[in-house]
Amino acid sequence: MTPAINLLKKKHIVHRVHSYTHDPRAASYGLEAAEKLGLAPQRVFKTLLVSTETTELLVAVLPVHAQLNLKALAACAGAKKIEMADPQRAQRSTGYLLGGISALAQKKALRTFLHSSAQELDSVYISAGRRGLEVELAAEDLLLLTRGQYADIASFSE
C-alpha cells in the first residue's frame, strides 16, 4: 500500500485502485495510464508541482492531455510568478517519486488546485503514489482530502 491508499482507507473514502504494468520508456506517465487502463484522457489527472516567486510549492492536478497554464495558476494562487518545481525538491516535499507523485498524503500539506473539468466527472483517476498505480475517486473527495479548490489552470491544444 501507498500513503495515498492508506489515507483513503483511513478516512473511509470510496475509491478503487487500478494497476497496470508501467513501461519505463513511456513518454508520458499520465497518457500511459489512460491508455493502459482504457480510459479517456479527460478522466485521468496528472499531479504537477510548481514553485512561486516566494519558493512556496503548489500542487496542480489537471487532465493528462492538457498543459499547465502557469499564468492562470499564478493568478489563482495570488502569486506573481510560477515555474515548474525542481524535481528533487518535489520528491523531497511529497515523499513520492516523479511519475508517481500523488496529490494525496504528501509529506507536507501544500495548496492544491484541481482543474475545473473534474466537476463534470463522476470520478477522476489520479496517481496512487507509485508508477503503474492509479486510484479512482470523486473529485469532491480529492478536494476534501487536499483542502484544494477548483481552478481553470489548463490549456488544451485540441
N, C-alpha and C. Protein backbone atom coordinates (compact mmCIF):
# COMPACT_ATOMS: atom_id res chain seq x y z
N MET A 1 0.83 -1.20 0.00
CA MET A 1 0.00 0.00 0.00
C MET A 1 0.86 1.25 0.00
N THR A 2 0.29 2.31 -0.54
CA THR A 2 0.98 3.60 -0.56
C THR A 2 0.34 4.53 0.47
N PRO A 3 1.01 5.61 0.84
CA PRO A 3 0.38 6.57 1.76
C PRO A 3 -0.96 7.08 1.24
N ALA A 4 -1.08 7.27 -0.08
CA ALA A 4 -2.35 7.77 -0.65
C ALA A 4 -3.48 6.76 -0.42
N ILE A 5 -3.22 5.51 -0.69
CA ILE A 5 -4.26 4.48 -0.49
C ILE A 5 -4.57 4.32 0.99
N ASN A 6 -3.54 4.36 1.82
CA ASN A 6 -3.77 4.24 3.26
C ASN A 6 -4.64 5.38 3.78
N LEU A 7 -4.42 6.59 3.27
CA LEU A 7 -5.24 7.73 3.68
C LEU A 7 -6.70 7.53 3.28
N LEU A 8 -6.93 7.07 2.06
CA LEU A 8 -8.30 6.83 1.60
C LEU A 8 -9.01 5.81 2.47
N LYS A 9 -8.30 4.76 2.84
CA LYS A 9 -8.89 3.73 3.71
C LYS A 9 -9.17 4.29 5.10
N LYS A 10 -8.21 5.01 5.63
CA LYS A 10 -8.35 5.58 6.98
C LYS A 10 -9.54 6.53 7.07
N LYS A 11 -9.75 7.32 6.02
CA LYS A 11 -10.84 8.31 6.01
C LYS A 11 -12.15 7.73 5.48
N HIS A 12 -12.15 6.43 5.15
CA HIS A 12 -13.34 5.74 4.63
C HIS A 12 -13.90 6.42 3.37
N ILE A 13 -13.00 6.78 2.48
CA ILE A 13 -13.37 7.41 1.22
C ILE A 13 -13.58 6.31 0.17
N VAL A 14 -14.71 6.37 -0.52
CA VAL A 14 -14.98 5.40 -1.58
C VAL A 14 -13.96 5.60 -2.70
N HIS A 15 -13.29 4.52 -3.06
CA HIS A 15 -12.27 4.59 -4.10
C HIS A 15 -12.05 3.20 -4.70
N ARG A 16 -11.40 3.19 -5.85
CA ARG A 16 -10.99 1.94 -6.50
C ARG A 16 -9.55 2.09 -6.95
N VAL A 17 -8.77 1.07 -6.71
CA VAL A 17 -7.36 1.08 -7.12
C VAL A 17 -7.24 0.33 -8.44
N HIS A 18 -6.50 0.90 -9.37
CA HIS A 18 -6.28 0.30 -10.68
C HIS A 18 -4.78 0.22 -10.92
N SER A 19 -4.31 -0.94 -11.35
CA SER A 19 -2.88 -1.07 -11.61
C SER A 19 -2.64 -1.52 -13.05
N TYR A 20 -1.45 -1.24 -13.53
CA TYR A 20 -1.02 -1.65 -14.85
C TYR A 20 0.50 -1.77 -14.81
N THR A 21 1.04 -2.44 -15.79
CA THR A 21 2.49 -2.58 -15.86
C THR A 21 3.08 -1.35 -16.51
N HIS A 22 3.84 -0.61 -15.72
CA HIS A 22 4.45 0.63 -16.21
C HIS A 22 5.62 0.31 -17.14
N ASP A 23 5.67 1.01 -18.25
CA ASP A 23 6.78 0.89 -19.19
C ASP A 23 7.73 2.07 -18.96
N PRO A 24 8.95 1.82 -18.49
CA PRO A 24 9.88 2.93 -18.21
C PRO A 24 10.22 3.78 -19.43
N ARG A 25 9.92 3.28 -20.62
CA ARG A 25 10.19 4.06 -21.83
C ARG A 25 9.02 4.96 -22.21
N ALA A 26 7.93 4.92 -21.46
CA ALA A 26 6.75 5.73 -21.78
C ALA A 26 7.11 7.22 -21.77
N ALA A 27 6.67 7.93 -22.78
CA ALA A 27 6.98 9.36 -22.89
C ALA A 27 6.19 10.19 -21.88
N SER A 28 4.99 9.74 -21.52
CA SER A 28 4.14 10.46 -20.58
C SER A 28 3.51 9.47 -19.61
N TYR A 29 3.80 9.63 -18.33
CA TYR A 29 3.23 8.72 -17.33
C TYR A 29 1.71 8.76 -17.35
N GLY A 30 1.15 9.96 -17.44
CA GLY A 30 -0.31 10.11 -17.41
C GLY A 30 -1.00 9.53 -18.62
N LEU A 31 -0.47 9.82 -19.81
CA LEU A 31 -1.08 9.27 -21.02
C LEU A 31 -0.92 7.76 -21.07
N GLU A 32 0.18 7.26 -20.52
CA GLU A 32 0.37 5.81 -20.44
C GLU A 32 -0.71 5.19 -19.56
N ALA A 33 -1.00 5.82 -18.43
CA ALA A 33 -2.03 5.31 -17.52
C ALA A 33 -3.39 5.27 -18.23
N ALA A 34 -3.73 6.34 -18.92
CA ALA A 34 -5.01 6.38 -19.63
C ALA A 34 -5.09 5.27 -20.66
N GLU A 35 -4.03 5.11 -21.44
CA GLU A 35 -4.01 4.10 -22.49
C GLU A 35 -4.09 2.68 -21.92
N LYS A 36 -3.27 2.41 -20.92
CA LYS A 36 -3.22 1.04 -20.38
C LYS A 36 -4.47 0.67 -19.59
N LEU A 37 -5.15 1.66 -19.05
CA LEU A 37 -6.39 1.39 -18.31
C LEU A 37 -7.63 1.53 -19.20
N GLY A 38 -7.42 1.90 -20.48
CA GLY A 38 -8.53 2.03 -21.41
C GLY A 38 -9.46 3.18 -21.08
N LEU A 39 -8.89 4.28 -20.64
CA LEU A 39 -9.69 5.43 -20.21
C LEU A 39 -9.48 6.63 -21.13
N ALA A 40 -10.50 7.47 -21.21
CA ALA A 40 -10.36 8.74 -21.93
C ALA A 40 -9.39 9.61 -21.15
N PRO A 41 -8.48 10.31 -21.84
CA PRO A 41 -7.51 11.16 -21.13
C PRO A 41 -8.16 12.23 -20.25
N GLN A 42 -9.39 12.59 -20.56
CA GLN A 42 -10.10 13.61 -19.76
C GLN A 42 -10.38 13.13 -18.33
N ARG A 43 -10.35 11.81 -18.11
CA ARG A 43 -10.67 11.25 -16.79
C ARG A 43 -9.44 11.01 -15.94
N VAL A 44 -8.27 11.00 -16.57
CA VAL A 44 -7.02 10.73 -15.85
C VAL A 44 -6.30 12.05 -15.62
N PHE A 45 -5.95 12.31 -14.37
CA PHE A 45 -5.36 13.59 -13.99
C PHE A 45 -3.92 13.40 -13.52
N LYS A 46 -3.06 14.33 -13.93
CA LYS A 46 -1.67 14.29 -13.51
C LYS A 46 -1.46 15.29 -12.37
N THR A 47 -0.47 15.03 -11.57
CA THR A 47 -0.12 15.89 -10.44
C THR A 47 1.21 16.55 -10.72
N LEU A 48 1.21 17.87 -10.77
CA LEU A 48 2.43 18.64 -11.03
C LEU A 48 2.71 19.56 -9.86
N LEU A 49 3.98 19.75 -9.57
CA LEU A 49 4.36 20.69 -8.52
C LEU A 49 5.05 21.89 -9.15
N VAL A 50 4.69 23.06 -8.64
CA VAL A 50 5.28 24.30 -9.11
C VAL A 50 5.79 25.08 -7.90
N SER A 51 6.64 26.05 -8.19
CA SER A 51 7.20 26.89 -7.14
C SER A 51 6.88 28.35 -7.47
N THR A 52 6.49 29.10 -6.46
CA THR A 52 6.20 30.52 -6.65
C THR A 52 7.47 31.34 -6.45
N GLU A 53 7.35 32.64 -6.69
CA GLU A 53 8.50 33.53 -6.51
C GLU A 53 8.95 33.56 -5.06
N THR A 54 8.09 33.16 -4.13
CA THR A 54 8.47 33.11 -2.71
C THR A 54 8.92 31.71 -2.31
N THR A 55 9.09 30.83 -3.27
CA THR A 55 9.53 29.43 -3.14
C THR A 55 8.45 28.52 -2.53
N GLU A 56 7.23 29.03 -2.41
CA GLU A 56 6.13 28.16 -1.95
C GLU A 56 5.86 27.12 -3.02
N LEU A 57 5.71 25.87 -2.60
CA LEU A 57 5.34 24.82 -3.54
C LEU A 57 3.82 24.73 -3.60
N LEU A 58 3.30 24.54 -4.80
CA LEU A 58 1.87 24.36 -5.03
C LEU A 58 1.66 23.08 -5.82
N VAL A 59 0.48 22.50 -5.68
CA VAL A 59 0.13 21.29 -6.42
C VAL A 59 -0.94 21.65 -7.44
N ALA A 60 -0.71 21.24 -8.69
CA ALA A 60 -1.68 21.42 -9.77
C ALA A 60 -2.09 20.03 -10.25
N VAL A 61 -3.40 19.79 -10.30
CA VAL A 61 -3.92 18.50 -10.74
C VAL A 61 -4.79 18.78 -11.96
N LEU A 62 -4.40 18.22 -13.12
CA LEU A 62 -5.10 18.53 -14.36
C LEU A 62 -5.10 17.33 -15.28
N PRO A 63 -6.00 17.33 -16.26
CA PRO A 63 -6.08 16.18 -17.18
C PRO A 63 -4.73 15.93 -17.86
N VAL A 64 -4.43 14.65 -18.08
CA VAL A 64 -3.12 14.27 -18.62
C VAL A 64 -2.88 14.80 -20.03
N HIS A 65 -3.93 15.09 -20.79
CA HIS A 65 -3.75 15.58 -22.16
C HIS A 65 -3.66 17.10 -22.23
N ALA A 66 -3.69 17.76 -21.08
CA ALA A 66 -3.64 19.23 -21.03
C ALA A 66 -2.25 19.70 -20.62
N GLN A 67 -2.01 20.98 -20.88
CA GLN A 67 -0.78 21.63 -20.43
C GLN A 67 -1.13 22.57 -19.28
N LEU A 68 -0.27 22.64 -18.29
CA LEU A 68 -0.49 23.55 -17.18
C LEU A 68 -0.31 24.99 -17.67
N ASN A 69 -1.28 25.84 -17.38
CA ASN A 69 -1.20 27.26 -17.70
C ASN A 69 -0.63 27.96 -16.46
N LEU A 70 0.66 28.25 -16.51
CA LEU A 70 1.34 28.82 -15.35
C LEU A 70 0.77 30.18 -14.94
N LYS A 71 0.43 31.01 -15.92
CA LYS A 71 -0.13 32.33 -15.59
C LYS A 71 -1.48 32.20 -14.89
N ALA A 72 -2.31 31.29 -15.37
CA ALA A 72 -3.62 31.08 -14.75
C ALA A 72 -3.46 30.57 -13.32
N LEU A 73 -2.54 29.64 -13.12
CA LEU A 73 -2.31 29.12 -11.77
C LEU A 73 -1.77 30.21 -10.86
N ALA A 74 -0.85 31.02 -11.37
CA ALA A 74 -0.32 32.12 -10.57
C ALA A 74 -1.45 33.05 -10.12
N ALA A 75 -2.35 33.37 -11.04
CA ALA A 75 -3.48 34.25 -10.69
C ALA A 75 -4.36 33.61 -9.62
N CYS A 76 -4.65 32.32 -9.77
CA CYS A 76 -5.49 31.62 -8.79
C CYS A 76 -4.82 31.57 -7.42
N ALA A 77 -3.51 31.44 -7.41
CA ALA A 77 -2.77 31.30 -6.15
C ALA A 77 -2.35 32.64 -5.55
N GLY A 78 -2.59 33.71 -6.29
CA GLY A 78 -2.17 35.02 -5.80
C GLY A 78 -0.66 35.20 -5.85
N ALA A 79 -0.03 34.55 -6.80
CA ALA A 79 1.43 34.64 -6.95
C ALA A 79 1.77 35.53 -8.14
N LYS A 80 2.95 36.10 -8.12
CA LYS A 80 3.39 36.93 -9.24
C LYS A 80 3.96 36.07 -10.36
N LYS A 81 4.70 35.05 -9.97
CA LYS A 81 5.36 34.21 -10.96
C LYS A 81 5.41 32.78 -10.45
N ILE A 82 5.25 31.84 -11.38
CA ILE A 82 5.30 30.43 -11.04
C ILE A 82 6.15 29.72 -12.08
N GLU A 83 6.91 28.74 -11.63
CA GLU A 83 7.67 27.89 -12.53
C GLU A 83 7.58 26.46 -12.03
N MET A 84 7.87 25.52 -12.90
CA MET A 84 7.85 24.12 -12.51
C MET A 84 8.86 23.92 -11.38
N ALA A 85 8.49 23.13 -10.39
CA ALA A 85 9.37 22.90 -9.24
C ALA A 85 10.54 22.01 -9.64
N ASP A 86 11.63 22.19 -8.96
CA ASP A 86 12.78 21.32 -9.14
C ASP A 86 12.36 19.88 -8.80
N PRO A 87 12.64 18.92 -9.68
CA PRO A 87 12.20 17.54 -9.45
C PRO A 87 12.65 16.97 -8.11
N GLN A 88 13.88 17.24 -7.70
CA GLN A 88 14.36 16.71 -6.42
C GLN A 88 13.59 17.33 -5.25
N ARG A 89 13.30 18.60 -5.35
CA ARG A 89 12.54 19.28 -4.30
C ARG A 89 11.12 18.74 -4.24
N ALA A 90 10.53 18.48 -5.41
CA ALA A 90 9.18 17.92 -5.46
C ALA A 90 9.14 16.55 -4.78
N GLN A 91 10.14 15.73 -5.06
CA GLN A 91 10.19 14.40 -4.47
C GLN A 91 10.39 14.47 -2.95
N ARG A 92 11.28 15.36 -2.50
CA ARG A 92 11.53 15.51 -1.06
C ARG A 92 10.28 15.99 -0.33
N SER A 93 9.59 16.96 -0.92
CA SER A 93 8.42 17.55 -0.27
C SER A 93 7.24 16.60 -0.21
N THR A 94 7.06 15.80 -1.26
CA THR A 94 5.88 14.93 -1.32
C THR A 94 6.12 13.55 -0.75
N GLY A 95 7.36 13.08 -0.81
CA GLY A 95 7.65 11.71 -0.39
C GLY A 95 7.42 10.69 -1.49
N TYR A 96 7.11 11.18 -2.70
CA TYR A 96 6.85 10.30 -3.83
C TYR A 96 7.90 10.52 -4.91
N LEU A 97 8.09 9.50 -5.76
CA LEU A 97 9.00 9.62 -6.90
C LEU A 97 8.27 10.23 -8.09
N LEU A 98 9.01 10.94 -8.94
CA LEU A 98 8.43 11.51 -10.16
C LEU A 98 7.74 10.41 -10.95
N GLY A 99 6.61 10.75 -11.53
CA GLY A 99 5.83 9.77 -12.27
C GLY A 99 4.87 9.01 -11.37
N GLY A 100 5.04 9.19 -10.07
CA GLY A 100 4.16 8.53 -9.11
C GLY A 100 3.72 9.48 -8.01
N ILE A 101 3.93 10.79 -8.24
CA ILE A 101 3.53 11.76 -7.22
C ILE A 101 2.01 11.82 -7.17
N SER A 102 1.50 11.60 -5.99
CA SER A 102 0.05 11.68 -5.77
C SER A 102 -0.28 13.01 -5.10
N ALA A 103 -1.47 13.50 -5.36
CA ALA A 103 -1.94 14.71 -4.67
C ALA A 103 -2.31 14.39 -3.23
N LEU A 104 -2.47 13.10 -2.93
CA LEU A 104 -2.91 12.66 -1.61
C LEU A 104 -1.75 12.24 -0.72
N ALA A 105 -1.87 12.52 0.57
CA ALA A 105 -0.95 12.04 1.61
C ALA A 105 0.50 12.42 1.34
N GLN A 106 0.70 13.65 0.91
CA GLN A 106 2.06 14.12 0.74
C GLN A 106 2.67 14.39 2.11
N LYS A 107 3.99 14.34 2.19
CA LYS A 107 4.67 14.55 3.47
C LYS A 107 4.35 15.92 4.06
N LYS A 108 4.20 16.91 3.19
CA LYS A 108 3.90 18.26 3.64
C LYS A 108 2.64 18.72 2.91
N ALA A 109 1.68 19.25 3.65
CA ALA A 109 0.44 19.73 3.03
C ALA A 109 0.74 20.97 2.20
N LEU A 110 0.35 20.92 0.94
CA LEU A 110 0.58 22.03 0.02
C LEU A 110 -0.76 22.50 -0.54
N ARG A 111 -0.84 23.79 -0.87
CA ARG A 111 -2.06 24.28 -1.52
C ARG A 111 -2.24 23.55 -2.84
N THR A 112 -3.47 23.09 -3.07
CA THR A 112 -3.76 22.24 -4.22
C THR A 112 -4.86 22.85 -5.07
N PHE A 113 -4.65 22.80 -6.40
CA PHE A 113 -5.60 23.34 -7.36
C PHE A 113 -5.96 22.23 -8.35
N LEU A 114 -7.25 21.91 -8.42
CA LEU A 114 -7.76 20.86 -9.30
C LEU A 114 -8.47 21.50 -10.47
N HIS A 115 -8.10 21.07 -11.69
CA HIS A 115 -8.73 21.67 -12.86
C HIS A 115 -10.24 21.52 -12.79
N SER A 116 -10.93 22.59 -13.15
CA SER A 116 -12.39 22.66 -13.02
C SER A 116 -13.14 21.61 -13.83
N SER A 117 -12.52 21.03 -14.85
CA SER A 117 -13.21 20.00 -15.64
C SER A 117 -13.56 18.78 -14.79
N ALA A 118 -12.89 18.60 -13.67
CA ALA A 118 -13.17 17.46 -12.79
C ALA A 118 -14.59 17.53 -12.22
N GLN A 119 -15.15 18.74 -12.14
CA GLN A 119 -16.51 18.91 -11.61
C GLN A 119 -17.55 18.18 -12.46
N GLU A 120 -17.24 17.99 -13.74
CA GLU A 120 -18.19 17.39 -14.68
C GLU A 120 -18.14 15.86 -14.67
N LEU A 121 -17.20 15.28 -13.92
CA LEU A 121 -16.99 13.83 -13.94
C LEU A 121 -17.50 13.17 -12.67
N ASP A 122 -18.01 11.94 -12.83
CA ASP A 122 -18.43 11.17 -11.65
C ASP A 122 -17.23 10.82 -10.78
N SER A 123 -16.11 10.54 -11.44
CA SER A 123 -14.88 10.21 -10.72
C SER A 123 -13.68 10.60 -11.57
N VAL A 124 -12.56 10.75 -10.89
CA VAL A 124 -11.30 11.05 -11.57
C VAL A 124 -10.28 9.98 -11.16
N TYR A 125 -9.29 9.82 -12.00
CA TYR A 125 -8.19 8.90 -11.73
C TYR A 125 -6.94 9.73 -11.49
N ILE A 126 -6.28 9.48 -10.37
CA ILE A 126 -5.03 10.16 -10.06
C ILE A 126 -4.01 9.12 -9.64
N SER A 127 -2.76 9.54 -9.58
CA SER A 127 -1.72 8.62 -9.13
C SER A 127 -2.00 8.19 -7.70
N ALA A 128 -1.81 6.90 -7.47
CA ALA A 128 -1.98 6.36 -6.12
C ALA A 128 -0.66 6.37 -5.36
N GLY A 129 0.37 6.98 -5.96
CA GLY A 129 1.63 7.11 -5.25
C GLY A 129 2.75 6.23 -5.77
N ARG A 130 2.51 5.59 -6.89
CA ARG A 130 3.54 4.75 -7.49
C ARG A 130 3.27 4.65 -8.98
N ARG A 131 4.31 4.58 -9.77
CA ARG A 131 4.13 4.40 -11.21
C ARG A 131 3.40 3.08 -11.44
N GLY A 132 2.38 3.12 -12.30
CA GLY A 132 1.61 1.92 -12.59
C GLY A 132 0.46 1.70 -11.63
N LEU A 133 0.18 2.68 -10.79
CA LEU A 133 -0.91 2.54 -9.81
C LEU A 133 -1.73 3.82 -9.79
N GLU A 134 -3.02 3.68 -10.11
CA GLU A 134 -3.94 4.82 -10.12
C GLU A 134 -5.06 4.56 -9.14
N VAL A 135 -5.63 5.61 -8.60
CA VAL A 135 -6.79 5.48 -7.73
C VAL A 135 -7.92 6.32 -8.32
N GLU A 136 -9.11 5.74 -8.31
CA GLU A 136 -10.31 6.41 -8.81
C GLU A 136 -11.12 6.86 -7.61
N LEU A 137 -11.51 8.14 -7.62
CA LEU A 137 -12.32 8.67 -6.53
C LEU A 137 -13.10 9.88 -7.03
N ALA A 138 -14.04 10.31 -6.24
CA ALA A 138 -14.82 11.51 -6.59
C ALA A 138 -13.94 12.75 -6.44
N ALA A 139 -14.09 13.68 -7.36
CA ALA A 139 -13.31 14.92 -7.30
C ALA A 139 -13.55 15.66 -5.99
N GLU A 140 -14.76 15.64 -5.51
CA GLU A 140 -15.07 16.33 -4.25
C GLU A 140 -14.30 15.72 -3.08
N ASP A 141 -14.12 14.39 -3.11
CA ASP A 141 -13.33 13.75 -2.06
C ASP A 141 -11.86 14.14 -2.16
N LEU A 142 -11.37 14.25 -3.38
CA LEU A 142 -9.99 14.69 -3.59
C LEU A 142 -9.80 16.09 -3.01
N LEU A 143 -10.73 16.98 -3.29
CA LEU A 143 -10.63 18.34 -2.76
C LEU A 143 -10.73 18.34 -1.23
N LEU A 144 -11.60 17.53 -0.70
CA LEU A 144 -11.76 17.46 0.76
C LEU A 144 -10.44 17.04 1.41
N LEU A 145 -9.82 15.98 0.89
CA LEU A 145 -8.60 15.45 1.50
C LEU A 145 -7.38 16.35 1.31
N THR A 146 -7.36 17.13 0.23
CA THR A 146 -6.21 18.01 -0.03
C THR A 146 -6.49 19.45 0.41
N ARG A 147 -7.72 19.71 0.83
CA ARG A 147 -8.16 21.08 1.12
C ARG A 147 -7.94 21.96 -0.11
N GLY A 148 -8.18 21.35 -1.27
CA GLY A 148 -7.94 22.03 -2.54
C GLY A 148 -9.13 22.84 -3.02
N GLN A 149 -8.95 23.39 -4.21
CA GLN A 149 -10.02 24.16 -4.82
C GLN A 149 -10.00 23.94 -6.33
N TYR A 150 -11.16 24.12 -6.95
CA TYR A 150 -11.24 24.04 -8.40
C TYR A 150 -10.64 25.31 -8.99
N ALA A 151 -10.00 25.17 -10.16
CA ALA A 151 -9.42 26.33 -10.83
C ALA A 151 -9.24 26.01 -12.31
N ASP A 152 -9.36 27.03 -13.15
CA ASP A 152 -9.11 26.88 -14.59
C ASP A 152 -7.63 27.09 -14.83
N ILE A 153 -6.86 26.00 -14.77
CA ILE A 153 -5.40 26.10 -14.80
C ILE A 153 -4.79 25.35 -15.98
N ALA A 154 -5.60 24.93 -16.92
CA ALA A 154 -5.08 24.11 -18.02
C ALA A 154 -5.32 24.76 -19.38
N SER A 155 -4.45 24.41 -20.30
CA SER A 155 -4.60 24.79 -21.70
C SER A 155 -4.68 23.51 -22.50
N PHE A 156 -5.57 23.50 -23.47
CA PHE A 156 -5.77 22.32 -24.31
C PHE A 156 -5.41 22.66 -25.75
N SER A 157 -4.65 21.81 -26.39
CA SER A 157 -4.23 22.08 -27.77
C SER A 157 -5.18 21.46 -28.79
N GLU A 158 -6.25 20.86 -28.33
CA GLU A 158 -7.21 20.22 -29.24
C GLU A 158 -8.03 21.25 -29.98
